């Protein structure tokens, strides 16, 4: 679910992010570039 949280965060899909978090998505999971979902959100202005 981590990659899904990255996509939701980067695109501002807050409802999706909340659903993933409710199902225990890992918030500190890093993607291939070493970014966490928070970094993706900040980079894309969310």
PDB file of N, CA and C in Angstrom:
ATOM      1  N   UNK A   1       0.810  -1.200   0.000  1.00  0.00           N
ATOM      2  CA  UNK A   1       0.000   0.000   0.000  1.00  0.00           C
ATOM      3  C   UNK A   1       0.851   1.261   0.000  1.00  0.00           C
ATOM      4  N   UNK A   2       2.126   1.126   0.271  1.00  0.00           N
ATOM      5  CA  UNK A   2       2.985   2.297   0.340  1.00  0.00           C
ATOM      6  C   UNK A   2       3.030   3.082  -0.960  1.00  0.00           C
ATOM      7  N   UNK A   3       3.190   2.389  -2.080  1.00  0.00           N
ATOM      8  CA  UNK A   3       3.255   3.080  -3.364  1.00  0.00           C
ATOM      9  C   UNK A   3       1.944   3.794  -3.653  1.00  0.00           C
ATOM     10  N   UNK A   4       0.855   3.205  -3.260  1.00  0.00           N
ATOM     11  CA  UNK A   4      -0.450   3.843  -3.452  1.00  0.00           C
ATOM     12  C   UNK A   4      -0.541   5.125  -2.639  1.00  0.00           C
ATOM     13  N   UNK A   5       0.013   5.102  -1.438  1.00  0.00           N
ATOM     14  CA  UNK A   5       0.001   6.299  -0.601  1.00  0.00           C
ATOM     15  C   UNK A   5       0.859   7.397  -1.230  1.00  0.00           C
ATOM     16  N   UNK A   6       1.957   7.042  -1.856  1.00  0.00           N
ATOM     17  CA  UNK A   6       2.787   8.028  -2.556  1.00  0.00           C
ATOM     18  C   UNK A   6       1.973   8.707  -3.661  1.00  0.00           C
ATOM     19  N   UNK A   7       1.251   7.929  -4.435  1.00  0.00           N
ATOM     20  CA  UNK A   7       0.455   8.480  -5.535  1.00  0.00           C
ATOM     21  C   UNK A   7      -0.648   9.379  -4.991  1.00  0.00           C
ATOM     22  N   UNK A   8      -1.338   8.915  -3.959  1.00  0.00           N
ATOM     23  CA  UNK A   8      -2.408   9.717  -3.365  1.00  0.00           C
ATOM     24  C   UNK A   8      -1.861  11.030  -2.817  1.00  0.00           C
ATOM     25  N   UNK A   9      -0.732  10.964  -2.139  1.00  0.00           N
ATOM     26  CA  UNK A   9      -0.138  12.167  -1.552  1.00  0.00           C
ATOM     27  C   UNK A   9       0.321  13.146  -2.631  1.00  0.00           C
ATOM     28  N   UNK A  10       0.975  12.644  -3.641  1.00  0.00           N
ATOM     29  CA  UNK A  10       1.508  13.506  -4.698  1.00  0.00           C
ATOM     30  C   UNK A  10       0.411  14.192  -5.494  1.00  0.00           C
ATOM     31  N   UNK A  11      -0.756  13.552  -5.587  1.00  0.00           N
ATOM     32  CA  UNK A  11      -1.842  14.091  -6.403  1.00  0.00           C
ATOM     33  C   UNK A  11      -2.942  14.766  -5.600  1.00  0.00           C
ATOM     34  N   UNK A  12      -2.785  14.830  -4.298  1.00  0.00           N
ATOM     35  CA  UNK A  12      -3.775  15.505  -3.464  1.00  0.00           C
ATOM     36  C   UNK A  12      -5.062  14.732  -3.272  1.00  0.00           C
ATOM     37  N   UNK A  13      -5.003  13.414  -3.413  1.00  0.00           N
ATOM     38  CA  UNK A  13      -6.192  12.574  -3.232  1.00  0.00           C
ATOM     39  C   UNK A  13      -6.364  12.269  -1.746  1.00  0.00           C
ATOM     40  N   UNK A  14      -6.846  13.256  -1.006  1.00  0.00           N
ATOM     41  CA  UNK A  14      -6.907  13.113   0.450  1.00  0.00           C
ATOM     42  C   UNK A  14      -7.843  12.002   0.898  1.00  0.00           C
ATOM     43  N   UNK A  15      -8.960  11.826   0.198  1.00  0.00           N
ATOM     44  CA  UNK A  15      -9.888  10.752   0.577  1.00  0.00           C
ATOM     45  C   UNK A  15      -9.222   9.383   0.437  1.00  0.00           C
ATOM     46  N   UNK A  16      -8.477   9.210  -0.636  1.00  0.00           N
ATOM     47  CA  UNK A  16      -7.772   7.946  -0.859  1.00  0.00           C
ATOM     48  C   UNK A  16      -6.688   7.762   0.199  1.00  0.00           C
ATOM     49  N   UNK A  17      -5.946   8.819   0.481  1.00  0.00           N
ATOM     50  CA  UNK A  17      -4.892   8.745   1.493  1.00  0.00           C
ATOM     51  C   UNK A  17      -5.475   8.372   2.852  1.00  0.00           C
ATOM     52  N   UNK A  18      -6.599   8.980   3.215  1.00  0.00           N
ATOM     53  CA  UNK A  18      -7.237   8.660   4.496  1.00  0.00           C
ATOM     54  C   UNK A  18      -7.671   7.197   4.547  1.00  0.00           C
ATOM     55  N   UNK A  19      -8.198   6.693   3.452  1.00  0.00           N
ATOM     56  CA  UNK A  19      -8.613   5.292   3.391  1.00  0.00           C
ATOM     57  C   UNK A  19      -7.405   4.370   3.553  1.00  0.00           C
ATOM     58  N   UNK A  20      -6.324   4.674   2.856  1.00  0.00           N
ATOM     59  CA  UNK A  20      -5.116   3.861   2.965  1.00  0.00           C
ATOM     60  C   UNK A  20      -4.559   3.896   4.382  1.00  0.00           C
ATOM     61  N   UNK A  21      -4.555   5.065   4.992  1.00  0.00           N
ATOM     62  CA  UNK A  21      -4.050   5.186   6.360  1.00  0.00           C
ATOM     63  C   UNK A  21      -4.936   4.428   7.340  1.00  0.00           C
ATOM     64  N   UNK A  22      -6.236   4.437   7.103  1.00  0.00           N
ATOM     65  CA  UNK A  22      -7.159   3.689   7.960  1.00  0.00           C
ATOM     66  C   UNK A  22      -6.894   2.189   7.881  1.00  0.00           C
ATOM     67  N   UNK A  23      -6.326   1.765   6.743  1.00  0.00           N
ATOM     68  CA  UNK A  23      -5.996   0.351   6.556  1.00  0.00           C
ATOM     69  C   UNK A  23      -4.514   0.078   6.808  1.00  0.00           C
ATOM     70  N   UNK A  24      -3.893   0.957   7.581  1.00  0.00           N
ATOM     71  CA  UNK A  24      -2.518   0.763   8.074  1.00  0.00           C
ATOM     72  C   UNK A  24      -1.435   0.847   7.002  1.00  0.00           C
ATOM     73  N   UNK A  25      -1.618   1.734   6.016  1.00  0.00           N
ATOM     74  CA  UNK A  25      -0.544   1.963   5.045  1.00  0.00           C
ATOM     75  C   UNK A  25       0.685   2.476   5.787  1.00  0.00           C
ATOM     76  N   UNK A  26       1.845   2.082   5.334  1.00  0.00           N
ATOM     77  CA  UNK A  26       3.095   2.488   5.986  1.00  0.00           C
ATOM     78  C   UNK A  26       3.473   3.901   5.532  1.00  0.00           C
ATOM     79  N   UNK A  27       3.433   4.842   6.469  1.00  0.00           N
ATOM     80  CA  UNK A  27       3.676   6.241   6.116  1.00  0.00           C
ATOM     81  C   UNK A  27       5.148   6.550   5.891  1.00  0.00           C
ATOM     82  N   UNK A  28       6.036   5.715   6.375  1.00  0.00           N
ATOM     83  CA  UNK A  28       7.469   5.968   6.231  1.00  0.00           C
ATOM     84  C   UNK A  28       8.122   5.115   5.152  1.00  0.00           C
ATOM     85  N   UNK A  29       7.330   4.424   4.368  1.00  0.00           N
ATOM     86  CA  UNK A  29       7.867   3.590   3.303  1.00  0.00           C
ATOM     87  C   UNK A  29       8.473   4.478   2.221  1.00  0.00           C
ATOM     88  N   UNK A  30       9.685   4.179   1.814  1.00  0.00           N
ATOM     89  CA  UNK A  30      10.371   4.980   0.803  1.00  0.00           C
ATOM     90  C   UNK A  30      10.206   4.355  -0.575  1.00  0.00           C
ATOM     91  N   UNK A  31      10.097   5.221  -1.581  1.00  0.00           N
ATOM     92  CA  UNK A  31       9.994   4.738  -2.952  1.00  0.00           C
ATOM     93  C   UNK A  31      11.398   4.505  -3.521  1.00  0.00           C
ATOM     94  N   UNK A  32      11.482   4.246  -4.812  1.00  0.00           N
ATOM     95  CA  UNK A  32      12.766   3.945  -5.451  1.00  0.00           C
ATOM     96  C   UNK A  32      13.752   5.108  -5.367  1.00  0.00           C
ATOM     97  N   UNK A  33      13.233   6.321  -5.213  1.00  0.00           N
ATOM     98  CA  UNK A  33      14.090   7.504  -5.107  1.00  0.00           C
ATOM     99  C   UNK A  33      14.421   7.858  -3.663  1.00  0.00           C
ATOM    100  N   UNK A  34      13.920   7.056  -2.728  1.00  0.00           N
ATOM    101  CA  UNK A  34      14.176   7.309  -1.319  1.00  0.00           C
ATOM    102  C   UNK A  34      13.221   8.307  -0.690  1.00  0.00           C
ATOM    103  N   UNK A  35      12.127   8.596  -1.378  1.00  0.00           N
ATOM    104  CA  UNK A  35      11.146   9.563  -0.880  1.00  0.00           C
ATOM    105  C   UNK A  35      10.044   8.870  -0.107  1.00  0.00           C
ATOM    106  N   UNK A  36       9.590   9.529   0.945  1.00  0.00           N
ATOM    107  CA  UNK A  36       8.410   9.096   1.690  1.00  0.00           C
ATOM    108  C   UNK A  36       7.206   9.843   1.108  1.00  0.00           C
ATOM    109  N   UNK A  37       5.976   9.394   1.398  1.00  0.00           N
ATOM    110  CA  UNK A  37       4.792  10.069   0.858  1.00  0.00           C
ATOM    111  C   UNK A  37       4.766  11.576   1.138  1.00  0.00           C
ATOM    112  N   UNK A  38       5.235  11.985   2.301  1.00  0.00           N
ATOM    113  CA  UNK A  38       5.263  13.412   2.629  1.00  0.00           C
ATOM    114  C   UNK A  38       6.131  14.188   1.647  1.00  0.00           C
ATOM    115  N   UNK A  39       7.259  13.623   1.257  1.00  0.00           N
ATOM    116  CA  UNK A  39       8.134  14.286   0.289  1.00  0.00           C
ATOM    117  C   UNK A  39       7.428  14.446  -1.060  1.00  0.00           C
ATOM    118  N   UNK A  40       6.716  13.405  -1.479  1.00  0.00           N
ATOM    119  CA  UNK A  40       5.991  13.463  -2.749  1.00  0.00           C
ATOM    120  C   UNK A  40       4.927  14.553  -2.705  1.00  0.00           C
ATOM    121  N   UNK A  41       4.199  14.632  -1.606  1.00  0.00           N
ATOM    122  CA  UNK A  41       3.161  15.657  -1.467  1.00  0.00           C
ATOM    123  C   UNK A  41       3.767  17.053  -1.516  1.00  0.00           C
ATOM    124  N   UNK A  42       4.855  17.249  -0.794  1.00  0.00           N
ATOM    125  CA  UNK A  42       5.486  18.572  -0.755  1.00  0.00           C
ATOM    126  C   UNK A  42       6.047  18.966  -2.117  1.00  0.00           C
ATOM    127  N   UNK A  43       6.654  18.018  -2.801  1.00  0.00           N
ATOM    128  CA  UNK A  43       7.250  18.296  -4.102  1.00  0.00           C
ATOM    129  C   UNK A  43       6.206  18.750  -5.116  1.00  0.00           C
ATOM    130  N   UNK A  44       5.040  18.144  -5.067  1.00  0.00           N
ATOM    131  CA  UNK A  44       3.992  18.436  -6.037  1.00  0.00           C
ATOM    132  C   UNK A  44       2.966  19.435  -5.512  1.00  0.00           C
ATOM    133  N   UNK A  45       3.304  20.123  -4.437  1.00  0.00           N
ATOM    134  CA  UNK A  45       2.473  21.228  -3.955  1.00  0.00           C
ATOM    135  C   UNK A  45       1.166  20.831  -3.314  1.00  0.00           C
ATOM    136  N   UNK A  46       1.143  19.684  -2.684  1.00  0.00           N
ATOM    137  CA  UNK A  46      -0.103  19.230  -2.051  1.00  0.00           C
ATOM    138  C   UNK A  46      -0.114  19.510  -0.578  1.00  0.00           C
TER     139      UNK A  46
END
